[in-house]
Amino acid sequence: MTMNIQFLDTIGKTCPIPLYLTNSKLKQMSHGERLEVVSDCASLLPDLMSIFHKRCRVLNWVNENSIFRITLQKT
């Protein structure tokens, strides 16, 4: 079974807008669904881990030239 991954591009959005957009997207998702967030906001990953730790898990993250690709799974 192939799992669909939703995608959210927040590049160019200043903090805390990427956090709000991620929160909004997570609210629309079902348990177990995955979301890949792409952002140039350096504080997004620590914010997600501290604020949304009960709402989602961080499965993976990559920093490529200050562009962050964060894969989340809704819990």
PDB file of N, CA and C in Angstrom:
ATOM      1  N   MET A   1       0.840  -1.183   0.000  1.00  0.00           N
ATOM      2  CA  MET A   1       0.000   0.000   0.000  1.00  0.00           C
ATOM      3  C   MET A   1       0.882   1.242   0.000  1.00  0.00           C
ATOM      4  N   THR A   2       0.635   2.146  -0.930  1.00  0.00           N
ATOM      5  CA  THR A   2       1.411   3.371  -1.032  1.00  0.00           C
ATOM      6  C   THR A   2       0.777   4.448  -0.159  1.00  0.00           C
ATOM      7  N   MET A   3       1.615   5.089   0.649  1.00  0.00           N
ATOM      8  CA  MET A   3       1.119   6.143   1.531  1.00  0.00           C
ATOM      9  C   MET A   3       1.254   7.481   0.823  1.00  0.00           C
ATOM     10  N   ASN A   4       0.159   8.220   0.767  1.00  0.00           N
ATOM     11  CA  ASN A   4       0.195   9.562   0.203  1.00  0.00           C
ATOM     12  C   ASN A   4       0.867  10.503   1.195  1.00  0.00           C
ATOM     13  N   ILE A   5       1.702  11.362   0.661  1.00  0.00           N
ATOM     14  CA  ILE A   5       2.347  12.384   1.479  1.00  0.00           C
ATOM     15  C   ILE A   5       1.874  13.730   0.966  1.00  0.00           C
ATOM     16  N   GLN A   6       1.290  14.517   1.843  1.00  0.00           N
ATOM     17  CA  GLN A   6       0.882  15.860   1.473  1.00  0.00           C
ATOM     18  C   GLN A   6       2.108  16.767   1.514  1.00  0.00           C
ATOM     19  N   PHE A   7       2.050  17.854   0.784  1.00  0.00           N
ATOM     20  CA  PHE A   7       3.195  18.733   0.626  1.00  0.00           C
ATOM     21  C   PHE A   7       2.796  20.167   0.977  1.00  0.00           C
ATOM     22  N   LEU A   8       3.653  20.850   1.728  1.00  0.00           N
ATOM     23  CA  LEU A   8       3.426  22.251   2.098  1.00  0.00           C
ATOM     24  C   LEU A   8       4.710  23.031   1.874  1.00  0.00           C
ATOM     25  N   ASP A   9       4.663  23.982   0.959  1.00  0.00           N
ATOM     26  CA  ASP A   9       5.819  24.833   0.649  1.00  0.00           C
ATOM     27  C   ASP A   9       5.641  26.171   1.358  1.00  0.00           C
ATOM     28  N   THR A  10       6.526  26.457   2.308  1.00  0.00           N
ATOM     29  CA  THR A  10       6.449  27.729   3.042  1.00  0.00           C
ATOM     30  C   THR A  10       7.682  28.597   2.798  1.00  0.00           C
ATOM     31  N   ILE A  11       8.419  28.300   1.756  1.00  0.00           N
ATOM     32  CA  ILE A  11       9.625  29.080   1.449  1.00  0.00           C
ATOM     33  C   ILE A  11       9.236  30.531   1.182  1.00  0.00           C
ATOM     34  N   GLY A  12       9.991  31.434   1.809  1.00  0.00           N
ATOM     35  CA  GLY A  12       9.743  32.860   1.645  1.00  0.00           C
ATOM     36  C   GLY A  12       8.788  33.442   2.673  1.00  0.00           C
ATOM     37  N   LYS A  13       8.146  32.572   3.440  1.00  0.00           N
ATOM     38  CA  LYS A  13       7.242  33.032   4.492  1.00  0.00           C
ATOM     39  C   LYS A  13       8.057  33.235   5.766  1.00  0.00           C
ATOM     40  N   THR A  14       7.883  34.374   6.402  1.00  0.00           N
ATOM     41  CA  THR A  14       8.634  34.654   7.618  1.00  0.00           C
ATOM     42  C   THR A  14       7.974  33.979   8.814  1.00  0.00           C
ATOM     43  N   CYS A  15       8.801  33.610   9.777  1.00  0.00           N
ATOM     44  CA  CYS A  15       8.311  32.982  11.002  1.00  0.00           C
ATOM     45  C   CYS A  15       7.454  33.992  11.747  1.00  0.00           C
ATOM     46  N   PRO A  16       6.361  33.607  12.311  1.00  0.00           N
ATOM     47  CA  PRO A  16       5.861  32.253  12.557  1.00  0.00           C
ATOM     48  C   PRO A  16       4.848  31.744  11.532  1.00  0.00           C
ATOM     49  N   ILE A  17       4.737  32.373  10.355  1.00  0.00           N
ATOM     50  CA  ILE A  17       3.752  31.959   9.355  1.00  0.00           C
ATOM     51  C   ILE A  17       3.893  30.472   8.985  1.00  0.00           C
ATOM     52  N   PRO A  18       5.128  29.937   8.753  1.00  0.00           N
ATOM     53  CA  PRO A  18       5.229  28.499   8.447  1.00  0.00           C
ATOM     54  C   PRO A  18       4.652  27.608   9.551  1.00  0.00           C
ATOM     55  N   LEU A  19       4.794  28.031  10.787  1.00  0.00           N
ATOM     56  CA  LEU A  19       4.241  27.274  11.911  1.00  0.00           C
ATOM     57  C   LEU A  19       2.711  27.272  11.854  1.00  0.00           C
ATOM     58  N   TYR A  20       2.111  28.418  11.592  1.00  0.00           N
ATOM     59  CA  TYR A  20       0.659  28.512  11.484  1.00  0.00           C
ATOM     60  C   TYR A  20       0.132  27.689  10.309  1.00  0.00           C
ATOM     61  N   LEU A  21       0.820  27.763   9.159  1.00  0.00           N
ATOM     62  CA  LEU A  21       0.396  27.004   7.987  1.00  0.00           C
ATOM     63  C   LEU A  21       0.491  25.502   8.233  1.00  0.00           C
ATOM     64  N   THR A  22       1.557  25.087   8.905  1.00  0.00           N
ATOM     65  CA  THR A  22       1.724  23.666   9.235  1.00  0.00           C
ATOM     66  C   THR A  22       0.623  23.216  10.184  1.00  0.00           C
ATOM     67  N   ASN A  23       0.322  24.018  11.178  1.00  0.00           N
ATOM     68  CA  ASN A  23      -0.737  23.698  12.128  1.00  0.00           C
ATOM     69  C   ASN A  23      -2.081  23.549  11.409  1.00  0.00           C
ATOM     70  N   SER A  24      -2.373  24.467  10.518  1.00  0.00           N
ATOM     71  CA  SER A  24      -3.624  24.430   9.763  1.00  0.00           C
ATOM     72  C   SER A  24      -3.724  23.159   8.928  1.00  0.00           C
ATOM     73  N   LYS A  25      -2.631  22.799   8.275  1.00  0.00           N
ATOM     74  CA  LYS A  25      -2.614  21.587   7.437  1.00  0.00           C
ATOM     75  C   LYS A  25      -2.785  20.342   8.300  1.00  0.00           C
ATOM     76  N   LEU A  26      -2.107  20.284   9.437  1.00  0.00           N
ATOM     77  CA  LEU A  26      -2.226  19.125  10.327  1.00  0.00           C
ATOM     78  C   LEU A  26      -3.654  18.947  10.824  1.00  0.00           C
ATOM     79  N   LYS A  27      -4.365  20.041  11.066  1.00  0.00           N
ATOM     80  CA  LYS A  27      -5.748  19.957  11.526  1.00  0.00           C
ATOM     81  C   LYS A  27      -6.647  19.285  10.491  1.00  0.00           C
ATOM     82  N   GLN A  28      -6.304  19.397   9.218  1.00  0.00           N
ATOM     83  CA  GLN A  28      -7.098  18.829   8.128  1.00  0.00           C
ATOM     84  C   GLN A  28      -6.770  17.359   7.872  1.00  0.00           C
ATOM     85  N   MET A  29      -5.696  16.879   8.446  1.00  0.00           N
ATOM     86  CA  MET A  29      -5.209  15.533   8.156  1.00  0.00           C
ATOM     87  C   MET A  29      -5.752  14.505   9.143  1.00  0.00           C
ATOM     88  N   SER A  30      -5.728  13.249   8.711  1.00  0.00           N
ATOM     89  CA  SER A  30      -6.149  12.134   9.556  1.00  0.00           C
ATOM     90  C   SER A  30      -4.941  11.491  10.222  1.00  0.00           C
ATOM     91  N   HIS A  31      -5.218  10.758  11.281  1.00  0.00           N
ATOM     92  CA  HIS A  31      -4.180  10.013  12.006  1.00  0.00           C
ATOM     93  C   HIS A  31      -3.373   9.148  11.033  1.00  0.00           C
ATOM     94  N   GLY A  32      -2.047   9.235  11.143  1.00  0.00           N
ATOM     95  CA  GLY A  32      -1.171   8.413  10.321  1.00  0.00           C
ATOM     96  C   GLY A  32      -0.746   9.034   9.009  1.00  0.00           C
ATOM     97  N   GLU A  33      -1.445  10.076   8.563  1.00  0.00           N
ATOM     98  CA  GLU A  33      -1.059  10.722   7.311  1.00  0.00           C
ATOM     99  C   GLU A  33       0.259  11.465   7.488  1.00  0.00           C
ATOM    100  N   ARG A  34       0.957  11.639   6.370  1.00  0.00           N
ATOM    101  CA  ARG A  34       2.270  12.301   6.397  1.00  0.00           C
ATOM    102  C   ARG A  34       2.219  13.626   5.660  1.00  0.00           C
ATOM    103  N   LEU A  35       3.055  14.532   6.139  1.00  0.00           N
ATOM    104  CA  LEU A  35       3.157  15.868   5.566  1.00  0.00           C
ATOM    105  C   LEU A  35       4.625  16.213   5.414  1.00  0.00           C
ATOM    106  N   GLU A  36       5.000  16.647   4.218  1.00  0.00           N
ATOM    107  CA  GLU A  36       6.356  17.152   4.004  1.00  0.00           C
ATOM    108  C   GLU A  36       6.280  18.669   3.919  1.00  0.00           C
ATOM    109  N   VAL A  37       7.004  19.333   4.818  1.00  0.00           N
ATOM    110  CA  VAL A  37       7.043  20.792   4.859  1.00  0.00           C
ATOM    111  C   VAL A  37       8.407  21.234   4.364  1.00  0.00           C
ATOM    112  N   VAL A  38       8.410  22.165   3.427  1.00  0.00           N
ATOM    113  CA  VAL A  38       9.653  22.756   2.929  1.00  0.00           C
ATOM    114  C   VAL A  38       9.651  24.209   3.364  1.00  0.00           C
ATOM    115  N   SER A  39      10.733  24.616   4.026  1.00  0.00           N
ATOM    116  CA  SER A  39      10.770  25.955   4.604  1.00  0.00           C
ATOM    117  C   SER A  39      12.198  26.482   4.662  1.00  0.00           C
ATOM    118  N   ASP A  40      12.318  27.790   4.648  1.00  0.00           N
ATOM    119  CA  ASP A  40      13.611  28.423   4.890  1.00  0.00           C
ATOM    120  C   ASP A  40      13.621  29.106   6.261  1.00  0.00           C
ATOM    121  N   CYS A  41      12.652  28.766   7.094  1.00  0.00           N
ATOM    122  CA  CYS A  41      12.545  29.292   8.463  1.00  0.00           C
ATOM    123  C   CYS A  41      13.329  28.361   9.398  1.00  0.00           C
ATOM    124  N   ALA A  42      14.460  28.830   9.877  1.00  0.00           N
ATOM    125  CA  ALA A  42      15.359  27.989  10.683  1.00  0.00           C
ATOM    126  C   ALA A  42      14.744  27.541  11.999  1.00  0.00           C
ATOM    127  N   SER A  43      13.785  28.285  12.519  1.00  0.00           N
ATOM    128  CA  SER A  43      13.196  27.910  13.811  1.00  0.00           C
ATOM    129  C   SER A  43      12.013  26.953  13.676  1.00  0.00           C
ATOM    130  N   LEU A  44      11.622  26.603  12.455  1.00  0.00           N
ATOM    131  CA  LEU A  44      10.442  25.758  12.281  1.00  0.00           C
ATOM    132  C   LEU A  44      10.595  24.382  12.919  1.00  0.00           C
ATOM    133  N   LEU A  45      11.701  23.703  12.693  1.00  0.00           N
ATOM    134  CA  LEU A  45      11.881  22.360  13.244  1.00  0.00           C
ATOM    135  C   LEU A  45      11.836  22.355  14.774  1.00  0.00           C
ATOM    136  N   PRO A  46      12.617  23.199  15.466  1.00  0.00           N
ATOM    137  CA  PRO A  46      12.518  23.203  16.929  1.00  0.00           C
ATOM    138  C   PRO A  46      11.123  23.582  17.430  1.00  0.00           C
ATOM    139  N   ASP A  47      10.456  24.495  16.725  1.00  0.00           N
ATOM    140  CA  ASP A  47       9.102  24.874  17.119  1.00  0.00           C
ATOM    141  C   ASP A  47       8.144  23.696  16.971  1.00  0.00           C
ATOM    142  N   LEU A  48       8.242  22.989  15.853  1.00  0.00           N
ATOM    143  CA  LEU A  48       7.383  21.814  15.647  1.00  0.00           C
ATOM    144  C   LEU A  48       7.604  20.770  16.734  1.00  0.00           C
ATOM    145  N   MET A  49       8.856  20.540  17.060  1.00  0.00           N
ATOM    146  CA  MET A  49       9.178  19.511  18.051  1.00  0.00           C
ATOM    147  C   MET A  49       8.698  19.892  19.449  1.00  0.00           C
ATOM    148  N   SER A  50       8.701  21.171  19.767  1.00  0.00           N
ATOM    149  CA  SER A  50       8.283  21.569  21.109  1.00  0.00           C
ATOM    150  C   SER A  50       6.782  21.828  21.210  1.00  0.00           C
ATOM    151  N   ILE A  51       6.197  22.445  20.202  1.00  0.00           N
ATOM    152  CA  ILE A  51       4.794  22.839  20.275  1.00  0.00           C
ATOM    153  C   ILE A  51       3.848  21.724  19.834  1.00  0.00           C
ATOM    154  N   PHE A  52       4.208  21.006  18.781  1.00  0.00           N
ATOM    155  CA  PHE A  52       3.300  20.013  18.203  1.00  0.00           C
ATOM    156  C   PHE A  52       3.682  18.579  18.541  1.00  0.00           C
ATOM    157  N   HIS A  53       4.483  18.373  19.576  1.00  0.00           N
ATOM    158  CA  HIS A  53       4.966  17.025  19.866  1.00  0.00           C
ATOM    159  C   HIS A  53       3.844  16.034  20.166  1.00  0.00           C
ATOM    160  N   LYS A  54       2.657  16.503  20.555  1.00  0.00           N
ATOM    161  CA  LYS A  54       1.536  15.591  20.795  1.00  0.00           C
ATOM    162  C   LYS A  54       0.670  15.418  19.550  1.00  0.00           C
ATOM    163  N   ARG A  55       0.817  16.300  18.586  1.00  0.00           N
ATOM    164  CA  ARG A  55       0.001  16.260  17.379  1.00  0.00           C
ATOM    165  C   ARG A  55       0.670  15.509  16.229  1.00  0.00           C
ATOM    166  N   CYS A  56       2.002  15.487  16.226  1.00  0.00           N
ATOM    167  CA  CYS A  56       2.703  14.823  15.123  1.00  0.00           C
ATOM    168  C   CYS A  56       4.089  14.371  15.562  1.00  0.00           C
ATOM    169  N   ARG A  57       4.639  13.465  14.757  1.00  0.00           N
ATOM    170  CA  ARG A  57       6.020  13.005  14.964  1.00  0.00           C
ATOM    171  C   ARG A  57       6.858  13.499  13.802  1.00  0.00           C
ATOM    172  N   VAL A  58       8.085  13.880  14.094  1.00  0.00           N
ATOM    173  CA  VAL A  58       9.029  14.222  13.042  1.00  0.00           C
ATOM    174  C   VAL A  58       9.681  12.912  12.602  1.00  0.00           C
ATOM    175  N   LEU A  59       9.429  12.514  11.360  1.00  0.00           N
ATOM    176  CA  LEU A  59       9.997  11.276  10.836  1.00  0.00           C
ATOM    177  C   LEU A  59      11.382  11.492  10.252  1.00  0.00           C
ATOM    178  N   ASN A  60      11.576  12.652   9.643  1.00  0.00           N
ATOM    179  CA  ASN A  60      12.840  12.920   8.971  1.00  0.00           C
ATOM    180  C   ASN A  60      12.957  14.420   8.740  1.00  0.00           C
ATOM    181  N   TRP A  61      14.196  14.886   8.719  1.00  0.00           N
ATOM    182  CA  TRP A  61      14.428  16.267   8.325  1.00  0.00           C
ATOM    183  C   TRP A  61      15.793  16.385   7.678  1.00  0.00           C
ATOM    184  N   VAL A  62      15.871  17.293   6.715  1.00  0.00           N
ATOM    185  CA  VAL A  62      17.109  17.518   5.975  1.00  0.00           C
ATOM    186  C   VAL A  62      17.286  19.019   5.816  1.00  0.00           C
ATOM    187  N   ASN A  63      18.529  19.485   5.995  1.00  0.00           N
ATOM    188  CA  ASN A  63      18.871  20.874   5.765  1.00  0.00           C
ATOM    189  C   ASN A  63      19.786  20.914   4.549  1.00  0.00           C
ATOM    190  N   GLU A  64      19.265  21.460   3.454  1.00  0.00           N
ATOM    191  CA  GLU A  64      20.058  21.591   2.228  1.00  0.00           C
ATOM    192  C   GLU A  64      20.186  23.070   1.898  1.00  0.00           C
ATOM    193  N   ASN A  65      21.346  23.653   2.218  1.00  0.00           N
ATOM    194  CA  ASN A  65      21.596  25.077   1.925  1.00  0.00           C
ATOM    195  C   ASN A  65      20.539  25.977   2.549  1.00  0.00           C
ATOM    196  N   SER A  66      20.222  25.716   3.818  1.00  0.00           N
ATOM    197  CA  SER A  66      19.245  26.487   4.596  1.00  0.00           C
ATOM    198  C   SER A  66      17.806  26.350   4.097  1.00  0.00           C
ATOM    199  N   ILE A  67      17.534  25.297   3.334  1.00  0.00           N
ATOM    200  CA  ILE A  67      16.169  24.913   2.978  1.00  0.00           C
ATOM    201  C   ILE A  67      15.888  23.628   3.740  1.00  0.00           C
ATOM    202  N   PHE A  68      14.894  23.667   4.587  1.00  0.00           N
ATOM    203  CA  PHE A  68      14.578  22.541   5.459  1.00  0.00           C
ATOM    204  C   PHE A  68      13.426  21.736   4.875  1.00  0.00           C
ATOM    205  N   ARG A  69      13.623  20.414   4.764  1.00  0.00           N
ATOM    206  CA  ARG A  69      12.582  19.486   4.327  1.00  0.00           C
ATOM    207  C   ARG A  69      12.265  18.616   5.542  1.00  0.00           C
ATOM    208  N   ILE A  70      11.074  18.778   6.062  1.00  0.00           N
ATOM    209  CA  ILE A  70      10.671  18.103   7.291  1.00  0.00           C
ATOM    210  C   ILE A  70       9.487  17.202   6.987  1.00  0.00           C
ATOM    211  N   THR A  71       9.627  15.916   7.275  1.00  0.00           N
ATOM    212  CA  THR A  71       8.534  14.969   7.081  1.00  0.00           C
ATOM    213  C   THR A  71       7.904  14.666   8.429  1.00  0.00           C
ATOM    214  N   LEU A  72       6.592  14.916   8.505  1.00  0.00           N
ATOM    215  CA  LEU A  72       5.837  14.733   9.737  1.00  0.00           C
ATOM    216  C   LEU A  72       4.798  13.623   9.539  1.00  0.00           C
ATOM    217  N   GLN A  73       4.440  12.986  10.627  1.00  0.00           N
ATOM    218  CA  GLN A  73       3.319  12.044  10.613  1.00  0.00           C
ATOM    219  C   GLN A  73       2.348  12.461  11.698  1.00  0.00           C
ATOM    220  N   LYS A  74       1.087  12.637  11.320  1.00  0.00           N
ATOM    221  CA  LYS A  74       0.085  13.041  12.306  1.00  0.00           C
ATOM    222  C   LYS A  74      -0.192  11.887  13.256  1.00  0.00           C
ATOM    223  N   THR A  75      -0.207  12.177  14.550  1.00  0.00           N
ATOM    224  CA  THR A  75      -0.479  11.149  15.555  1.00  0.00           C
ATOM    225  C   THR A  75      -1.899  11.279  16.074  1.00  0.00           C
TER     226      THR A  75
END
